[in-house]
Amino acid sequence: MQSRRQQRVRELLKRAIGEVIRREIPVHQSGLVSVNDVGVAGDLQSATVFVSILGTPEQQKQGIALLRQERKRLQSLVGHAVVLKYTPQLHFVVDDSIAQGNRILDIIQELEKSPPAT
């Protein structure tokens, strides 16, 4: 279970990272990048950023590659926006939970449409 401080830092980082990505990463190149969640280590020295990328498969590949390539610059910008003793080292991971959720909803809708077998 996370401490209250970790939860506050996580939410603060989530907002700050989302804002920095919105300003710095071009949508036409990388698709629409959305920060779903941020996992913060117990010592607040590293953070895993779970992102979803909406766009073509090529934009999705370019998007995560661009995020990983620009990690240090984005980390620096987040460090200026969020005042912490240490700026966490960011690690970007593609989170496809939204796509999986949509797939499950589609399956449920298909099951509801089909007539019950007797």
N, C-alpha and C. Protein backbone atom coordinates (compact mmCIF):
# COMPACT_ATOMS: atom_id res chain seq x y z
N MET A 1 0.85 -1.18 0.00
CA MET A 1 0.00 0.00 0.00
C MET A 1 0.88 1.24 0.00
N GLN A 2 0.52 2.19 -0.85
CA GLN A 2 1.30 3.41 -0.97
C GLN A 2 0.99 4.36 0.17
N SER A 3 2.01 5.10 0.57
CA SER A 3 1.81 6.12 1.59
C SER A 3 1.06 7.29 0.97
N ARG A 4 0.57 8.12 1.82
CA ARG A 4 -0.17 9.30 1.35
C ARG A 4 0.74 10.20 0.50
N ARG A 5 2.00 10.33 0.91
CA ARG A 5 2.95 11.15 0.15
C ARG A 5 3.16 10.57 -1.25
N GLN A 6 3.33 9.25 -1.36
CA GLN A 6 3.51 8.62 -2.66
C GLN A 6 2.29 8.85 -3.55
N GLN A 7 1.11 8.77 -2.98
CA GLN A 7 -0.10 9.01 -3.76
C GLN A 7 -0.17 10.44 -4.26
N ARG A 8 0.19 11.38 -3.41
CA ARG A 8 0.17 12.79 -3.81
C ARG A 8 1.21 13.07 -4.89
N VAL A 9 2.41 12.51 -4.72
CA VAL A 9 3.46 12.69 -5.72
C VAL A 9 3.05 12.04 -7.04
N ARG A 10 2.45 10.88 -6.96
CA ARG A 10 1.99 10.18 -8.16
C ARG A 10 1.00 11.02 -8.96
N GLU A 11 0.01 11.57 -8.27
CA GLU A 11 -0.99 12.40 -8.94
C GLU A 11 -0.38 13.69 -9.49
N LEU A 12 0.52 14.28 -8.74
CA LEU A 12 1.19 15.50 -9.19
C LEU A 12 2.02 15.22 -10.43
N LEU A 13 2.76 14.12 -10.42
CA LEU A 13 3.56 13.75 -11.59
C LEU A 13 2.67 13.44 -12.79
N LYS A 14 1.57 12.77 -12.56
CA LYS A 14 0.66 12.41 -13.64
C LYS A 14 0.18 13.66 -14.38
N ARG A 15 -0.22 14.66 -13.60
CA ARG A 15 -0.68 15.91 -14.22
C ARG A 15 0.45 16.64 -14.93
N ALA A 16 1.60 16.73 -14.27
CA ALA A 16 2.73 17.47 -14.84
C ALA A 16 3.26 16.79 -16.11
N ILE A 17 3.39 15.48 -16.09
CA ILE A 17 3.88 14.76 -17.26
C ILE A 17 2.90 14.90 -18.42
N GLY A 18 1.62 14.78 -18.14
CA GLY A 18 0.60 14.96 -19.17
C GLY A 18 0.68 16.33 -19.81
N GLU A 19 0.87 17.34 -19.00
CA GLU A 19 0.97 18.71 -19.52
C GLU A 19 2.23 18.90 -20.36
N VAL A 20 3.35 18.37 -19.89
CA VAL A 20 4.60 18.49 -20.64
C VAL A 20 4.49 17.75 -21.98
N ILE A 21 3.93 16.56 -21.97
CA ILE A 21 3.77 15.81 -23.22
C ILE A 21 2.84 16.55 -24.17
N ARG A 22 1.77 17.11 -23.64
CA ARG A 22 0.84 17.86 -24.49
C ARG A 22 1.53 19.04 -25.18
N ARG A 23 2.41 19.71 -24.44
CA ARG A 23 3.11 20.88 -25.00
C ARG A 23 4.24 20.51 -25.94
N GLU A 24 4.97 19.44 -25.63
CA GLU A 24 6.24 19.18 -26.28
C GLU A 24 6.21 18.13 -27.40
N ILE A 25 5.28 17.21 -27.36
CA ILE A 25 5.24 16.12 -28.34
C ILE A 25 4.17 16.43 -29.40
N PRO A 26 4.57 16.55 -30.67
CA PRO A 26 3.61 16.88 -31.73
C PRO A 26 2.64 15.73 -32.00
N VAL A 27 1.35 16.05 -32.06
CA VAL A 27 0.31 15.03 -32.25
C VAL A 27 0.39 14.40 -33.64
N HIS A 28 0.68 15.21 -34.67
CA HIS A 28 0.71 14.67 -36.02
C HIS A 28 1.80 13.62 -36.21
N GLN A 29 2.83 13.69 -35.38
CA GLN A 29 3.95 12.76 -35.50
C GLN A 29 3.76 11.51 -34.64
N SER A 30 3.25 11.69 -33.44
CA SER A 30 3.21 10.58 -32.49
C SER A 30 1.81 10.13 -32.10
N GLY A 31 0.79 10.71 -32.68
CA GLY A 31 -0.56 10.38 -32.26
C GLY A 31 -0.90 11.13 -30.97
N LEU A 32 -2.06 10.87 -30.45
CA LEU A 32 -2.51 11.52 -29.22
C LEU A 32 -2.04 10.69 -28.03
N VAL A 33 -1.11 11.26 -27.26
CA VAL A 33 -0.52 10.56 -26.13
C VAL A 33 -1.28 10.95 -24.87
N SER A 34 -1.73 9.96 -24.13
CA SER A 34 -2.47 10.18 -22.89
C SER A 34 -1.78 9.45 -21.75
N VAL A 35 -1.57 10.14 -20.64
CA VAL A 35 -0.95 9.52 -19.46
C VAL A 35 -2.06 8.88 -18.65
N ASN A 36 -2.06 7.55 -18.57
CA ASN A 36 -3.09 6.83 -17.83
C ASN A 36 -2.79 6.75 -16.34
N ASP A 37 -1.53 6.49 -16.01
CA ASP A 37 -1.16 6.33 -14.62
C ASP A 37 0.33 6.50 -14.48
N VAL A 38 0.77 6.71 -13.26
CA VAL A 38 2.19 6.81 -12.94
C VAL A 38 2.43 5.94 -11.71
N GLY A 39 3.37 5.05 -11.83
CA GLY A 39 3.78 4.22 -10.69
C GLY A 39 5.06 4.80 -10.11
N VAL A 40 5.05 5.12 -8.83
CA VAL A 40 6.21 5.75 -8.19
C VAL A 40 6.86 4.74 -7.25
N ALA A 41 8.20 4.66 -7.32
CA ALA A 41 8.95 3.78 -6.42
C ALA A 41 8.87 4.32 -5.00
N GLY A 42 9.12 3.46 -4.03
CA GLY A 42 9.03 3.83 -2.62
C GLY A 42 9.96 4.97 -2.24
N ASP A 43 11.13 5.05 -2.88
CA ASP A 43 12.07 6.12 -2.55
C ASP A 43 11.86 7.37 -3.42
N LEU A 44 10.85 7.37 -4.28
CA LEU A 44 10.49 8.48 -5.16
C LEU A 44 11.61 8.83 -6.13
N GLN A 45 12.51 7.90 -6.41
CA GLN A 45 13.64 8.17 -7.31
C GLN A 45 13.34 7.75 -8.76
N SER A 46 12.33 6.91 -8.95
CA SER A 46 11.97 6.51 -10.30
C SER A 46 10.46 6.40 -10.41
N ALA A 47 10.00 6.58 -11.64
CA ALA A 47 8.56 6.52 -11.90
C ALA A 47 8.31 5.84 -13.24
N THR A 48 7.34 4.94 -13.26
CA THR A 48 6.92 4.29 -14.49
C THR A 48 5.67 5.00 -14.98
N VAL A 49 5.73 5.53 -16.20
CA VAL A 49 4.63 6.30 -16.77
C VAL A 49 3.90 5.40 -17.76
N PHE A 50 2.63 5.11 -17.47
CA PHE A 50 1.81 4.28 -18.34
C PHE A 50 1.04 5.19 -19.28
N VAL A 51 1.33 5.07 -20.59
CA VAL A 51 0.72 5.94 -21.58
C VAL A 51 -0.07 5.11 -22.57
N SER A 52 -1.13 5.71 -23.10
CA SER A 52 -1.83 5.12 -24.24
C SER A 52 -1.69 6.11 -25.39
N ILE A 53 -1.56 5.56 -26.58
CA ILE A 53 -1.33 6.38 -27.76
C ILE A 53 -2.43 6.07 -28.76
N LEU A 54 -3.21 7.08 -29.08
CA LEU A 54 -4.28 6.93 -30.06
C LEU A 54 -3.77 7.44 -31.40
N GLY A 55 -3.94 6.63 -32.41
CA GLY A 55 -3.48 6.99 -33.75
C GLY A 55 -3.25 5.72 -34.55
N THR A 56 -2.62 5.89 -35.70
CA THR A 56 -2.30 4.74 -36.54
C THR A 56 -1.22 3.90 -35.86
N PRO A 57 -1.09 2.64 -36.24
CA PRO A 57 -0.02 1.82 -35.66
C PRO A 57 1.36 2.44 -35.84
N GLU A 58 1.59 3.09 -36.97
CA GLU A 58 2.87 3.76 -37.20
C GLU A 58 3.06 4.93 -36.23
N GLN A 59 2.00 5.70 -36.01
CA GLN A 59 2.08 6.80 -35.04
C GLN A 59 2.33 6.27 -33.63
N GLN A 60 1.74 5.14 -33.30
CA GLN A 60 1.93 4.55 -31.98
C GLN A 60 3.39 4.14 -31.78
N LYS A 61 3.99 3.52 -32.80
CA LYS A 61 5.39 3.13 -32.72
C LYS A 61 6.28 4.36 -32.60
N GLN A 62 6.00 5.37 -33.42
CA GLN A 62 6.79 6.60 -33.37
C GLN A 62 6.59 7.32 -32.04
N GLY A 63 5.38 7.27 -31.52
CA GLY A 63 5.07 7.95 -30.26
C GLY A 63 5.88 7.41 -29.10
N ILE A 64 5.90 6.10 -28.91
CA ILE A 64 6.64 5.53 -27.79
C ILE A 64 8.14 5.69 -28.01
N ALA A 65 8.58 5.58 -29.27
CA ALA A 65 10.01 5.79 -29.56
C ALA A 65 10.41 7.23 -29.25
N LEU A 66 9.56 8.18 -29.60
CA LEU A 66 9.84 9.59 -29.33
C LEU A 66 9.85 9.88 -27.84
N LEU A 67 8.91 9.29 -27.10
CA LEU A 67 8.89 9.47 -25.65
C LEU A 67 10.17 8.93 -25.01
N ARG A 68 10.59 7.78 -25.44
CA ARG A 68 11.80 7.19 -24.87
C ARG A 68 13.05 7.97 -25.28
N GLN A 69 13.04 8.48 -26.51
CA GLN A 69 14.18 9.26 -27.00
C GLN A 69 14.28 10.60 -26.26
N GLU A 70 13.16 11.23 -25.99
CA GLU A 70 13.12 12.55 -25.36
C GLU A 70 12.96 12.47 -23.84
N ARG A 71 13.17 11.29 -23.26
CA ARG A 71 12.95 11.06 -21.84
C ARG A 71 13.68 12.05 -20.95
N LYS A 72 14.94 12.28 -21.21
CA LYS A 72 15.72 13.16 -20.33
C LYS A 72 15.22 14.60 -20.41
N ARG A 73 14.87 15.06 -21.62
CA ARG A 73 14.37 16.42 -21.76
C ARG A 73 13.01 16.56 -21.08
N LEU A 74 12.13 15.58 -21.27
CA LEU A 74 10.82 15.61 -20.61
C LEU A 74 10.98 15.55 -19.10
N GLN A 75 11.92 14.73 -18.64
CA GLN A 75 12.19 14.61 -17.20
C GLN A 75 12.66 15.95 -16.63
N SER A 76 13.48 16.66 -17.39
CA SER A 76 13.96 17.97 -16.95
C SER A 76 12.81 18.97 -16.86
N LEU A 77 11.94 18.96 -17.86
CA LEU A 77 10.79 19.87 -17.85
C LEU A 77 9.84 19.56 -16.70
N VAL A 78 9.65 18.27 -16.42
CA VAL A 78 8.82 17.88 -15.28
C VAL A 78 9.47 18.33 -13.98
N GLY A 79 10.80 18.23 -13.91
CA GLY A 79 11.54 18.67 -12.73
C GLY A 79 11.37 20.14 -12.45
N HIS A 80 11.25 20.95 -13.50
CA HIS A 80 11.01 22.38 -13.31
C HIS A 80 9.57 22.66 -12.87
N ALA A 81 8.65 21.81 -13.30
CA ALA A 81 7.24 22.02 -12.97
C ALA A 81 6.87 21.50 -11.59
N VAL A 82 7.56 20.45 -11.14
CA VAL A 82 7.25 19.81 -9.86
C VAL A 82 8.45 19.99 -8.93
N VAL A 83 8.22 20.58 -7.79
CA VAL A 83 9.31 20.81 -6.85
C VAL A 83 9.42 19.62 -5.89
N LEU A 84 10.46 18.81 -6.13
CA LEU A 84 10.78 17.67 -5.28
C LEU A 84 12.28 17.70 -5.03
N LYS A 85 12.70 17.03 -3.99
CA LYS A 85 14.14 16.97 -3.71
C LYS A 85 14.87 16.31 -4.88
N TYR A 86 14.34 15.21 -5.37
CA TYR A 86 14.90 14.52 -6.53
C TYR A 86 13.79 14.37 -7.56
N THR A 87 14.12 14.67 -8.81
CA THR A 87 13.17 14.43 -9.88
C THR A 87 13.25 12.94 -10.23
N PRO A 88 12.13 12.25 -10.21
CA PRO A 88 12.16 10.81 -10.51
C PRO A 88 12.63 10.55 -11.94
N GLN A 89 13.35 9.46 -12.11
CA GLN A 89 13.75 9.03 -13.44
C GLN A 89 12.52 8.39 -14.09
N LEU A 90 12.15 8.87 -15.27
CA LEU A 90 10.92 8.43 -15.92
C LEU A 90 11.20 7.24 -16.84
N HIS A 91 10.28 6.28 -16.82
CA HIS A 91 10.31 5.13 -17.72
C HIS A 91 8.93 5.05 -18.36
N PHE A 92 8.87 5.11 -19.69
CA PHE A 92 7.59 5.10 -20.40
C PHE A 92 7.22 3.69 -20.84
N VAL A 93 5.97 3.31 -20.57
CA VAL A 93 5.45 1.98 -20.92
C VAL A 93 4.09 2.18 -21.58
N VAL A 94 3.87 1.46 -22.68
CA VAL A 94 2.57 1.54 -23.36
C VAL A 94 1.55 0.76 -22.55
N ASP A 95 0.44 1.40 -22.24
CA ASP A 95 -0.64 0.79 -21.47
C ASP A 95 -1.81 0.57 -22.42
N ASP A 96 -2.08 -0.67 -22.73
CA ASP A 96 -3.18 -0.98 -23.66
C ASP A 96 -4.44 -1.42 -22.94
N SER A 97 -4.58 -1.04 -21.69
CA SER A 97 -5.75 -1.47 -20.91
C SER A 97 -7.05 -0.89 -21.48
N ILE A 98 -7.00 0.29 -22.06
CA ILE A 98 -8.21 0.89 -22.65
C ILE A 98 -8.66 0.05 -23.85
N ALA A 99 -7.71 -0.34 -24.70
CA ALA A 99 -8.04 -1.17 -25.85
C ALA A 99 -8.58 -2.52 -25.41
N GLN A 100 -7.98 -3.09 -24.37
CA GLN A 100 -8.46 -4.38 -23.85
C GLN A 100 -9.87 -4.24 -23.28
N GLY A 101 -10.12 -3.14 -22.58
CA GLY A 101 -11.45 -2.89 -22.03
C GLY A 101 -12.49 -2.75 -23.13
N ASN A 102 -12.13 -2.04 -24.20
CA ASN A 102 -13.04 -1.89 -25.34
C ASN A 102 -13.31 -3.23 -26.01
N ARG A 103 -12.28 -4.06 -26.10
CA ARG A 103 -12.44 -5.39 -26.70
C ARG A 103 -13.40 -6.23 -25.87
N ILE A 104 -13.27 -6.17 -24.56
CA ILE A 104 -14.16 -6.92 -23.66
C ILE A 104 -15.59 -6.43 -23.80
N LEU A 105 -15.77 -5.10 -23.87
CA LEU A 105 -17.12 -4.55 -24.06
C LEU A 105 -17.73 -4.99 -25.38
N ASP A 106 -16.91 -5.06 -26.45
CA ASP A 106 -17.40 -5.53 -27.74
C ASP A 106 -17.84 -6.99 -27.65
N ILE A 107 -17.08 -7.80 -26.95
CA ILE A 107 -17.44 -9.21 -26.79
C ILE A 107 -18.75 -9.34 -26.02
N ILE A 108 -18.91 -8.56 -24.98
CA ILE A 108 -20.15 -8.60 -24.19
C ILE A 108 -21.34 -8.18 -25.05
N GLN A 109 -21.16 -7.14 -25.87
CA GLN A 109 -22.25 -6.70 -26.74
C GLN A 109 -22.61 -7.78 -27.76
N GLU A 110 -21.60 -8.46 -28.30
CA GLU A 110 -21.87 -9.55 -29.25
C GLU A 110 -22.64 -10.68 -28.57
N LEU A 111 -22.27 -11.00 -27.33
CA LEU A 111 -22.97 -12.06 -26.60
C LEU A 111 -24.42 -11.67 -26.30
N GLU A 112 -24.65 -10.39 -26.04
CA GLU A 112 -26.01 -9.94 -25.76
C GLU A 112 -26.86 -9.95 -27.02
N LYS A 113 -26.26 -9.74 -28.19
CA LYS A 113 -27.00 -9.73 -29.46
C LYS A 113 -27.39 -11.12 -29.91
N SER A 114 -26.51 -12.10 -29.66
CA SER A 114 -26.80 -13.45 -30.14
C SER A 114 -27.94 -14.07 -29.34
N PRO A 115 -28.80 -14.82 -30.00
CA PRO A 115 -29.91 -15.44 -29.28
C PRO A 115 -29.41 -16.56 -28.37
N PRO A 116 -30.06 -16.75 -27.23
CA PRO A 116 -29.62 -17.81 -26.31
C PRO A 116 -29.82 -19.18 -26.94
N ALA A 117 -28.84 -20.04 -26.72
CA ALA A 117 -28.91 -21.41 -27.25
C ALA A 117 -29.82 -22.25 -26.34
N THR A 118 -30.73 -22.99 -26.96
CA THR A 118 -31.63 -23.85 -26.18
C THR A 118 -31.53 -25.28 -26.56
